[in-house]
Amino acid sequence: MTETAEKIASGDIRALARAASWIEDRRPEAEAILRELFPRTGRALILGVTGAPGAGKSTLCDQIVRMLRDEGKSVGVIAVDPSSPYTGGAILGDRIRMQQHHADEGVFIRSMATRGWLGGLARSTTEMTMLLDAAGRDVVIVETVGVGQDEVEIARLAGVTMVVLVPGMGDDVQAIKAGIIEIADVFVINKSDLPGAEKLERELNNYLGLSHRPDGWTPKIVHVVASDGKGITEALEAAREYHAQSTAESQMAETWSLRLKEMLRERLLDRVPEEEFSAAGRDVAEKRRDPYSVINDWLERL
């Protein structure tokens, strides 16, 4: 192992932060480090937390982190924020929202900007989870940006996908439209002290009764009031229950097949300069070229 990889494996926070920056900046050092560290991956629980804006995802994540730390577990948090249209940087800054964990070396929090990437995730989220996993974090939480119908991308990445819903927001209809019924391993009804929580649970149970997952799992529905810390234990137990029965080799192979598709897409896009997309866009818009010939030219070149 190189010195940097050894430092990351031994828990050096500065080396971990440096490698995280390499990943975000798509620097060649990132791939070299991840190649070295890859044999150390596969130990962490990767928990994806998704749902509509305003559902209370950040508050829920904060409470889960608090509980995990009380158990003595080390945690990595990847908080994917929407991008600033001017700087391309993250504009919500979950590290600010989770200030109470800032001085705790057992919690590593990284805000990542989507930079226009669809699906509620940032472009390098897969590699970032691999890094935190290899660095020995017991649990890696990925909180998506909360963009709505594109949230299903989290299922490609997370070992457990937790979908956060809120009564009275039309979340039952939104869940169906977004395909979230299919990707949720655990449903969390947050703010369950509000009217409509029981109705939302009934609606979810009705939909679940009509769907049959290939793995035979029926998603748990957990009532939570994240702001008060109520129901957090049950939500974490439900996530762990699914994780315990989903680590079969065949399911891991399916998960990695999805991740590899995503990583291949990223690598191909990295090899086409942004100015080429702009120039090709103008050519297609002005009918000088058709989109298929443009794409075929890129494929032949790559």
Protein backbone atom coordinates (compact mmCIF):
# COMPACT_ATOMS: atom_id res chain seq x y z
CA MET A 1 0.00 0.00 0.00
CA THR A 2 1.05 3.58 -0.62
CA GLU A 3 1.46 5.87 2.37
CA THR A 4 -1.82 7.67 1.65
CA ALA A 5 -3.79 4.42 1.38
CA GLU A 6 -2.25 3.17 4.62
CA LYS A 7 -3.20 6.40 6.39
CA ILE A 8 -6.80 6.14 5.14
CA ALA A 9 -7.02 2.50 6.22
CA SER A 10 -5.71 3.43 9.66
CA GLY A 11 -8.33 6.16 10.11
CA ASP A 12 -6.33 9.30 9.31
CA ILE A 13 -8.98 12.02 8.83
CA ARG A 14 -6.78 14.40 6.84
CA ALA A 15 -5.79 11.69 4.37
CA LEU A 16 -9.45 10.69 4.05
CA ALA A 17 -10.52 14.28 3.37
CA ARG A 18 -7.77 14.68 0.78
CA ALA A 19 -8.84 11.52 -1.05
CA ALA A 20 -12.48 12.64 -0.94
CA SER A 21 -11.47 15.88 -2.67
CA TRP A 22 -9.58 13.90 -5.34
CA ILE A 23 -12.73 11.88 -6.01
CA GLU A 24 -14.92 14.96 -6.34
CA ASP A 25 -12.40 16.66 -8.62
CA ARG A 26 -12.07 13.51 -10.77
CA ARG A 27 -8.32 13.48 -10.33
CA PRO A 28 -6.31 10.42 -11.46
CA GLU A 29 -5.00 9.92 -7.90
CA ALA A 30 -8.55 8.99 -6.85
CA GLU A 31 -8.74 5.90 -9.04
CA ALA A 32 -5.29 4.75 -7.93
CA ILE A 33 -6.23 5.04 -4.25
CA LEU A 34 -9.57 3.27 -4.73
CA ARG A 35 -7.87 0.41 -6.58
CA GLU A 36 -5.60 -0.10 -3.58
CA LEU A 37 -8.37 0.20 -1.03
CA PHE A 38 -11.02 -1.83 -2.85
CA PRO A 39 -10.21 -5.15 -1.07
CA ARG A 40 -11.17 -3.41 2.20
CA THR A 41 -14.69 -2.53 0.97
CA GLY A 42 -17.90 -4.46 1.56
CA ARG A 43 -17.92 -4.19 5.35
CA ALA A 44 -20.04 -1.07 5.87
CA LEU A 45 -23.81 -0.75 5.88
CA ILE A 46 -24.59 1.67 3.04
CA LEU A 47 -27.84 3.41 4.00
CA GLY A 48 -29.52 5.56 1.36
CA VAL A 49 -32.05 8.12 2.64
CA THR A 50 -34.33 9.69 0.06
CA GLY A 51 -37.67 11.43 -0.23
CA ALA A 52 -39.30 14.66 -1.27
CA PRO A 53 -37.96 18.07 -0.17
CA GLY A 54 -39.23 19.00 3.28
CA ALA A 55 -39.73 15.40 4.39
CA GLY A 56 -37.15 15.79 7.15
CA LYS A 57 -34.35 13.68 5.69
CA SER A 58 -31.54 15.70 7.26
CA THR A 59 -33.14 15.64 10.70
CA LEU A 60 -33.64 11.89 10.40
CA CYS A 61 -30.02 11.38 9.33
CA ASP A 62 -28.82 13.52 12.23
CA GLN A 63 -30.75 11.38 14.71
CA ILE A 64 -29.51 8.14 13.15
CA VAL A 65 -25.93 9.40 13.39
CA ARG A 66 -26.48 10.29 17.04
CA MET A 67 -27.81 6.80 17.79
CA LEU A 68 -24.99 5.07 15.93
CA ARG A 69 -22.39 7.08 17.82
CA ASP A 70 -24.08 6.14 21.09
CA GLU A 71 -23.51 2.51 19.99
CA GLY A 72 -19.84 3.27 19.37
CA LYS A 73 -20.17 2.95 15.58
CA SER A 74 -18.14 5.10 13.20
CA VAL A 75 -20.18 6.90 10.56
CA GLY A 76 -19.64 8.50 7.17
CA VAL A 77 -22.27 10.88 5.81
CA ILE A 78 -22.50 11.91 2.15
CA ALA A 79 -25.00 14.75 1.95
CA VAL A 80 -25.82 15.44 -1.69
CA ASP A 81 -26.93 19.04 -2.14
CA PRO A 82 -28.29 20.93 -5.14
CA SER A 83 -25.63 22.89 -7.01
CA SER A 84 -25.20 26.60 -7.07
CA PRO A 85 -25.86 27.75 -10.66
CA TYR A 86 -22.88 30.12 -10.32
CA THR A 87 -20.14 28.15 -8.59
CA GLY A 88 -21.25 24.54 -9.09
CA GLY A 89 -20.77 24.01 -5.35
CA ALA A 90 -23.18 22.62 -2.79
CA ILE A 91 -25.57 25.32 -1.58
CA LEU A 92 -27.32 23.71 1.40
CA GLY A 93 -24.26 22.60 3.33
CA ASP A 94 -25.38 19.71 5.51
CA ARG A 95 -22.10 20.01 7.40
CA ILE A 96 -23.56 23.23 8.79
CA ARG A 97 -26.86 21.52 9.62
CA MET A 98 -24.97 18.78 11.52
CA GLN A 99 -22.66 21.09 13.47
CA GLN A 100 -22.95 19.09 16.68
CA HIS A 101 -21.01 16.26 15.00
CA HIS A 102 -18.31 18.50 13.55
CA ALA A 103 -15.71 17.89 16.25
CA ASP A 104 -16.41 14.15 16.44
CA GLU A 105 -13.73 12.18 14.57
CA GLY A 106 -16.10 9.22 14.55
CA VAL A 107 -18.31 11.11 12.09
CA PHE A 108 -17.01 12.13 8.66
CA ILE A 109 -19.45 14.38 6.79
CA ARG A 110 -19.04 15.41 3.17
CA SER A 111 -21.42 17.66 1.25
CA MET A 112 -21.36 16.98 -2.47
CA ALA A 113 -22.94 19.08 -5.20
CA THR A 114 -25.01 17.36 -7.88
CA ARG A 115 -23.50 19.67 -10.52
CA GLY A 116 -26.42 18.92 -12.79
CA TRP A 117 -26.27 15.15 -12.27
CA LEU A 118 -29.73 13.58 -12.31
CA GLY A 119 -31.14 11.13 -9.82
CA GLY A 120 -30.60 13.10 -6.62
CA LEU A 121 -26.98 11.97 -6.41
CA ALA A 122 -23.66 13.56 -7.21
CA ARG A 123 -21.54 12.15 -10.01
CA SER A 124 -18.91 10.59 -7.73
CA THR A 125 -21.18 9.25 -4.99
CA THR A 126 -20.39 5.59 -5.69
CA GLU A 127 -16.65 6.17 -5.36
CA MET A 128 -17.18 8.25 -2.20
CA THR A 129 -19.09 5.41 -0.53
CA MET A 130 -16.31 2.99 -1.51
CA LEU A 131 -13.75 5.32 0.08
CA LEU A 132 -15.63 5.65 3.37
CA ASP A 133 -16.31 1.92 3.44
CA ALA A 134 -12.62 1.14 2.91
CA ALA A 135 -11.68 3.69 5.57
CA GLY A 136 -13.43 1.50 8.13
CA ARG A 137 -16.67 3.40 8.66
CA ASP A 138 -19.26 1.03 10.10
CA VAL A 139 -22.18 2.83 8.45
CA VAL A 140 -22.19 5.15 5.43
CA ILE A 141 -25.32 7.29 5.07
CA VAL A 142 -26.11 8.83 1.69
CA GLU A 143 -28.75 11.55 1.86
CA THR A 144 -30.05 12.49 -1.59
CA VAL A 145 -30.89 15.97 -2.73
CA GLY A 146 -34.64 15.38 -2.61
CA VAL A 147 -35.54 16.22 -6.18
CA GLY A 148 -38.60 14.00 -6.37
CA GLN A 149 -39.12 11.63 -9.27
CA ASP A 150 -35.44 11.04 -10.04
CA GLU A 151 -34.70 9.67 -6.59
CA VAL A 152 -34.78 6.06 -7.76
CA GLU A 153 -31.07 6.28 -8.63
CA ILE A 154 -30.23 5.71 -4.95
CA ALA A 155 -31.27 2.06 -5.34
CA ARG A 156 -28.22 1.50 -7.57
CA LEU A 157 -25.92 2.58 -4.77
CA ALA A 158 -27.33 1.79 -1.34
CA GLY A 159 -27.38 -1.53 0.46
CA VAL A 160 -30.56 -0.34 2.17
CA THR A 161 -32.85 2.35 0.74
CA MET A 162 -34.92 4.27 3.27
CA VAL A 163 -37.72 6.40 1.80
CA VAL A 164 -38.99 9.25 3.97
CA LEU A 165 -42.63 10.30 3.55
CA VAL A 166 -44.75 12.87 5.37
CA PRO A 167 -48.53 12.75 5.90
CA GLY A 168 -50.58 15.46 4.22
CA MET A 169 -48.09 16.13 1.41
CA GLY A 170 -49.61 13.78 -1.17
CA ASP A 171 -46.64 11.49 -0.68
CA ASP A 172 -48.67 8.36 -1.40
CA VAL A 173 -49.38 9.54 -4.94
CA GLN A 174 -45.85 10.91 -5.38
CA ALA A 175 -44.34 7.59 -4.30
CA ILE A 176 -46.18 5.76 -7.05
CA LYS A 177 -45.29 8.35 -9.69
CA ALA A 178 -41.63 8.25 -8.73
CA GLY A 179 -41.39 4.47 -8.68
CA ILE A 180 -40.35 4.71 -5.04
CA ILE A 181 -42.58 1.78 -4.07
CA GLU A 182 -40.23 -0.48 -6.00
CA ILE A 183 -36.97 0.83 -4.54
CA ALA A 184 -37.89 1.31 -0.87
CA ASP A 185 -36.56 -1.27 1.57
CA VAL A 186 -37.88 0.71 4.54
CA PHE A 187 -40.61 3.37 4.56
CA VAL A 188 -40.27 6.04 7.24
CA ILE A 189 -43.38 8.09 7.88
CA ASN A 190 -41.83 11.17 9.44
CA LYS A 191 -43.80 13.78 11.40
CA SER A 192 -46.14 10.91 12.21
CA ASP A 193 -47.74 13.00 14.97
CA LEU A 194 -49.50 14.97 12.21
CA PRO A 195 -52.99 14.04 10.98
CA GLY A 196 -53.01 11.57 8.13
CA ALA A 197 -50.16 9.30 9.26
CA GLU A 198 -52.39 6.25 9.67
CA LYS A 199 -54.05 6.93 6.31
CA LEU A 200 -50.64 7.13 4.64
CA GLU A 201 -49.67 3.79 6.20
CA ARG A 202 -52.88 2.18 4.94
CA GLU A 203 -52.24 3.49 1.44
CA LEU A 204 -48.69 2.13 1.48
CA ASN A 205 -49.88 -1.26 2.70
CA ASN A 206 -52.47 -1.36 -0.09
CA TYR A 207 -49.83 -0.68 -2.72
CA LEU A 208 -47.37 -3.14 -1.18
CA GLY A 209 -50.06 -5.81 -1.25
CA LEU A 210 -50.21 -5.44 -5.03
CA SER A 211 -46.44 -5.54 -5.59
CA HIS A 212 -44.12 -8.53 -5.30
CA ARG A 213 -40.38 -8.02 -5.07
CA PRO A 214 -38.01 -10.60 -6.55
CA ASP A 215 -36.16 -10.91 -3.23
CA GLY A 216 -39.38 -11.64 -1.34
CA TRP A 217 -38.87 -8.73 1.07
CA THR A 218 -41.89 -6.71 2.23
CA PRO A 219 -40.70 -3.20 3.14
CA LYS A 220 -41.20 -2.22 6.76
CA ILE A 221 -43.23 0.90 7.55
CA VAL A 222 -41.94 2.83 10.55
CA HIS A 223 -43.55 5.85 12.24
CA VAL A 224 -41.03 8.50 13.27
CA VAL A 225 -40.97 11.99 14.72
CA ALA A 226 -37.37 12.81 13.84
CA SER A 227 -37.35 16.22 15.50
CA ASP A 228 -38.06 14.53 18.85
CA GLY A 229 -35.97 11.41 18.23
CA LYS A 230 -39.03 9.15 18.32
CA GLY A 231 -38.99 5.97 16.25
CA ILE A 232 -35.30 6.22 15.32
CA THR A 233 -34.48 2.90 17.00
CA GLU A 234 -37.22 1.14 15.04
CA ALA A 235 -36.13 2.71 11.75
CA LEU A 236 -32.53 1.62 12.25
CA GLU A 237 -33.62 -1.89 13.29
CA ALA A 238 -35.72 -2.21 10.12
CA ALA A 239 -32.74 -1.15 7.98
CA ARG A 240 -30.48 -3.66 9.70
CA GLU A 241 -33.04 -6.43 9.33
CA TYR A 242 -33.18 -5.92 5.57
CA HIS A 243 -29.40 -5.62 5.31
CA ALA A 244 -28.90 -8.89 7.20
CA GLN A 245 -30.98 -10.84 4.69
CA SER A 246 -29.77 -9.01 1.57
CA THR A 247 -26.07 -9.84 1.70
CA ALA A 248 -26.39 -13.00 -0.37
CA GLU A 249 -23.77 -13.27 -3.10
CA SER A 250 -26.38 -13.20 -5.89
CA GLN A 251 -27.89 -9.95 -4.61
CA MET A 252 -24.48 -8.34 -4.21
CA ALA A 253 -23.69 -9.32 -7.80
CA GLU A 254 -26.89 -7.62 -8.98
CA THR A 255 -26.06 -4.50 -6.99
CA TRP A 256 -22.58 -4.35 -8.46
CA SER A 257 -23.87 -4.85 -11.99
CA LEU A 258 -25.95 -1.68 -11.52
CA ARG A 259 -23.01 0.21 -10.01
CA LEU A 260 -20.70 -0.85 -12.84
CA LYS A 261 -23.16 0.49 -15.42
CA GLU A 262 -23.20 3.80 -13.57
CA MET A 263 -19.40 3.92 -13.30
CA LEU A 264 -19.02 3.11 -17.00
CA ARG A 265 -21.42 5.91 -17.91
CA GLU A 266 -19.41 8.33 -15.78
CA ARG A 267 -16.09 7.28 -17.32
CA LEU A 268 -17.43 7.65 -20.87
CA LEU A 269 -18.82 11.10 -20.12
CA ASP A 270 -15.51 12.14 -18.57
CA ARG A 271 -13.78 11.37 -21.87
CA VAL A 272 -15.92 13.79 -23.87
CA PRO A 273 -14.98 17.42 -23.15
CA GLU A 274 -17.85 19.71 -22.18
CA GLU A 275 -17.15 21.98 -25.14
CA GLU A 276 -17.81 19.05 -27.48
CA PHE A 277 -21.26 18.60 -26.00
CA SER A 278 -21.93 22.31 -26.50
CA ALA A 279 -20.70 22.30 -30.10
CA ALA A 280 -22.62 19.12 -30.93
CA GLY A 281 -25.72 20.57 -29.29
CA ARG A 282 -25.55 23.59 -31.60
CA ASP A 283 -25.04 21.36 -34.65
CA VAL A 284 -28.04 19.20 -33.79
CA ALA A 285 -30.24 22.18 -32.90
CA GLU A 286 -29.45 23.85 -36.23
CA LYS A 287 -29.98 20.53 -38.11
CA ARG A 288 -26.42 20.40 -39.40
CA ARG A 289 -26.16 16.92 -37.87
CA ASP A 290 -28.51 14.35 -36.42
CA PRO A 291 -28.08 13.12 -32.81
CA TYR A 292 -27.43 9.49 -33.81
CA SER A 293 -24.43 10.27 -35.97
CA VAL A 294 -22.97 12.45 -33.21
CA ILE A 295 -23.31 9.66 -30.63
CA ASN A 296 -21.98 7.01 -33.00
CA ASP A 297 -18.92 9.17 -33.73
CA TRP A 298 -18.21 9.42 -30.00
CA LEU A 299 -18.68 5.67 -29.50
CA GLU A 300 -16.32 4.83 -32.36
CA ARG A 301 -13.70 7.21 -30.99
CA LEU A 302 -13.96 5.93 -27.43
